[in-house]
Amino acid sequence: MPTTSTLLIRRARILLPDGEFLVGDVLMSDRSIVRVAPEIAESADREIDAIGLTLLPGVIDPQVHFREPGLEHKEDLF
């Protein structure tokens, strides 16, 4: 039977969908977000203290160009 893995990211500066920021916690279970709140009291299998760090949703680069082999340096996001 598969086991459930939980991750709690504490005290991160979280970018919300409306563009505002919240300093709070994010609880994840099996790579899915379960809850985002100013403070989550429960514990998790793994905890990360993210004080001073910013947590963003997945970043997608909409300006993508497929390159010829050998030009990988032009494929960087930054």
C-alpha atoms as a PDB file:
ATOM      1  CA  MET A   1       0.000   0.000   0.000  1.00  0.00           C
ATOM      2  CA  PRO A   2       1.504   3.411  -0.965  1.00  0.00           C
ATOM      3  CA  THR A   3       2.362   5.824   1.816  1.00  0.00           C
ATOM      4  CA  THR A   4       1.399   9.481   1.946  1.00  0.00           C
ATOM      5  CA  SER A   5       4.226  12.010   2.192  1.00  0.00           C
ATOM      6  CA  THR A   6       3.573  15.477   3.628  1.00  0.00           C
ATOM      7  CA  LEU A   7       5.603  18.682   3.362  1.00  0.00           C
ATOM      8  CA  LEU A   8       5.046  21.895   5.309  1.00  0.00           C
ATOM      9  CA  ILE A   9       6.707  25.104   4.128  1.00  0.00           C
ATOM     10  CA  ARG A  10       6.647  27.615   6.980  1.00  0.00           C
ATOM     11  CA  ARG A  11       6.873  31.431   7.042  1.00  0.00           C
ATOM     12  CA  ALA A  12       7.304  31.923   3.291  1.00  0.00           C
ATOM     13  CA  ARG A  13       6.326  35.084   1.453  1.00  0.00           C
ATOM     14  CA  ILE A  14       3.653  33.510  -0.788  1.00  0.00           C
ATOM     15  CA  LEU A  15       2.468  35.067  -4.059  1.00  0.00           C
ATOM     16  CA  LEU A  16      -1.320  34.625  -4.206  1.00  0.00           C
ATOM     17  CA  PRO A  17      -3.436  34.394  -7.405  1.00  0.00           C
ATOM     18  CA  ASP A  18      -4.647  37.996  -6.967  1.00  0.00           C
ATOM     19  CA  GLY A  19      -1.059  39.299  -7.012  1.00  0.00           C
ATOM     20  CA  GLU A  20      -0.948  40.005  -3.282  1.00  0.00           C
ATOM     21  CA  PHE A  21       1.596  38.463  -0.909  1.00  0.00           C
ATOM     22  CA  LEU A  22       0.909  36.510   2.284  1.00  0.00           C
ATOM     23  CA  VAL A  23       3.538  35.548   4.832  1.00  0.00           C
ATOM     24  CA  GLY A  24       2.397  32.113   5.879  1.00  0.00           C
ATOM     25  CA  ASP A  25       2.536  28.352   5.558  1.00  0.00           C
ATOM     26  CA  VAL A  26       1.821  25.872   2.750  1.00  0.00           C
ATOM     27  CA  LEU A  27       0.900  22.265   3.488  1.00  0.00           C
ATOM     28  CA  MET A  28       1.406  19.686   0.739  1.00  0.00           C
ATOM     29  CA  SER A  29       0.481  16.019   0.551  1.00  0.00           C
ATOM     30  CA  ASP A  30       1.877  13.799  -2.199  1.00  0.00           C
ATOM     31  CA  ARG A  31       2.960  16.833  -4.289  1.00  0.00           C
ATOM     32  CA  SER A  32      -0.480  18.510  -4.093  1.00  0.00           C
ATOM     33  CA  ILE A  33      -1.229  21.697  -2.162  1.00  0.00           C
ATOM     34  CA  VAL A  34      -3.646  20.934   0.675  1.00  0.00           C
ATOM     35  CA  ARG A  35      -3.785  24.291   2.453  1.00  0.00           C
ATOM     36  CA  VAL A  36      -2.342  27.816   2.422  1.00  0.00           C
ATOM     37  CA  ALA A  37      -2.803  29.820   5.625  1.00  0.00           C
ATOM     38  CA  PRO A  38      -1.055  32.429   7.784  1.00  0.00           C
ATOM     39  CA  GLU A  39      -0.170  29.640  10.228  1.00  0.00           C
ATOM     40  CA  ILE A  40      -0.717  25.871  10.054  1.00  0.00           C
ATOM     41  CA  ALA A  41      -0.527  24.188  13.464  1.00  0.00           C
ATOM     42  CA  GLU A  42      -0.089  20.579  12.372  1.00  0.00           C
ATOM     43  CA  SER A  43       3.240  18.922  11.640  1.00  0.00           C
ATOM     44  CA  ALA A  44       4.409  17.128   8.500  1.00  0.00           C
ATOM     45  CA  ASP A  45       6.907  14.456   7.481  1.00  0.00           C
ATOM     46  CA  ARG A  46       9.237  17.216   6.300  1.00  0.00           C
ATOM     47  CA  GLU A  47       9.254  20.899   7.200  1.00  0.00           C
ATOM     48  CA  ILE A  48      11.102  23.761   5.525  1.00  0.00           C
ATOM     49  CA  ASP A  49      11.643  27.104   7.275  1.00  0.00           C
ATOM     50  CA  ALA A  50      11.314  29.566   4.399  1.00  0.00           C
ATOM     51  CA  ILE A  51      11.613  32.784   6.394  1.00  0.00           C
ATOM     52  CA  GLY A  52      12.966  35.495   4.102  1.00  0.00           C
ATOM     53  CA  LEU A  53      12.180  33.468   0.956  1.00  0.00           C
ATOM     54  CA  THR A  54       9.441  33.992  -1.654  1.00  0.00           C
ATOM     55  CA  LEU A  55       7.253  31.122  -2.831  1.00  0.00           C
ATOM     56  CA  LEU A  56       5.883  31.407  -6.386  1.00  0.00           C
ATOM     57  CA  PRO A  57       3.631  29.149  -8.431  1.00  0.00           C
ATOM     58  CA  GLY A  58       5.231  27.263 -11.315  1.00  0.00           C
ATOM     59  CA  VAL A  59       6.747  29.697 -13.806  1.00  0.00           C
ATOM     60  CA  ILE A  60       5.988  29.148 -17.487  1.00  0.00           C
ATOM     61  CA  ASP A  61       8.015  30.847 -20.208  1.00  0.00           C
ATOM     62  CA  PRO A  62       5.478  31.713 -22.951  1.00  0.00           C
ATOM     63  CA  GLN A  63       8.245  32.955 -25.273  1.00  0.00           C
ATOM     64  CA  VAL A  64       9.783  29.602 -26.189  1.00  0.00           C
ATOM     65  CA  HIS A  65      11.853  28.924 -29.296  1.00  0.00           C
ATOM     66  CA  PHE A  66      13.009  25.449 -30.183  1.00  0.00           C
ATOM     67  CA  ARG A  67      16.662  25.576 -31.200  1.00  0.00           C
ATOM     68  CA  GLU A  68      18.952  23.470 -33.274  1.00  0.00           C
ATOM     69  CA  PRO A  69      21.123  21.003 -31.350  1.00  0.00           C
ATOM     70  CA  GLY A  70      24.225  22.763 -30.065  1.00  0.00           C
ATOM     71  CA  LEU A  71      22.511  26.066 -29.232  1.00  0.00           C
ATOM     72  CA  GLU A  72      21.338  25.058 -25.759  1.00  0.00           C
ATOM     73  CA  HIS A  73      22.722  28.313 -24.322  1.00  0.00           C
ATOM     74  CA  LYS A  74      19.871  30.140 -26.088  1.00  0.00           C
ATOM     75  CA  GLU A  75      17.251  27.971 -24.340  1.00  0.00           C
ATOM     76  CA  ASP A  76      17.889  29.330 -20.841  1.00  0.00           C
ATOM     77  CA  LEU A  77      15.020  30.987 -18.973  1.00  0.00           C
ATOM     78  CA  PHE A  78      17.308  33.742 -17.692  1.00  0.00           C
END
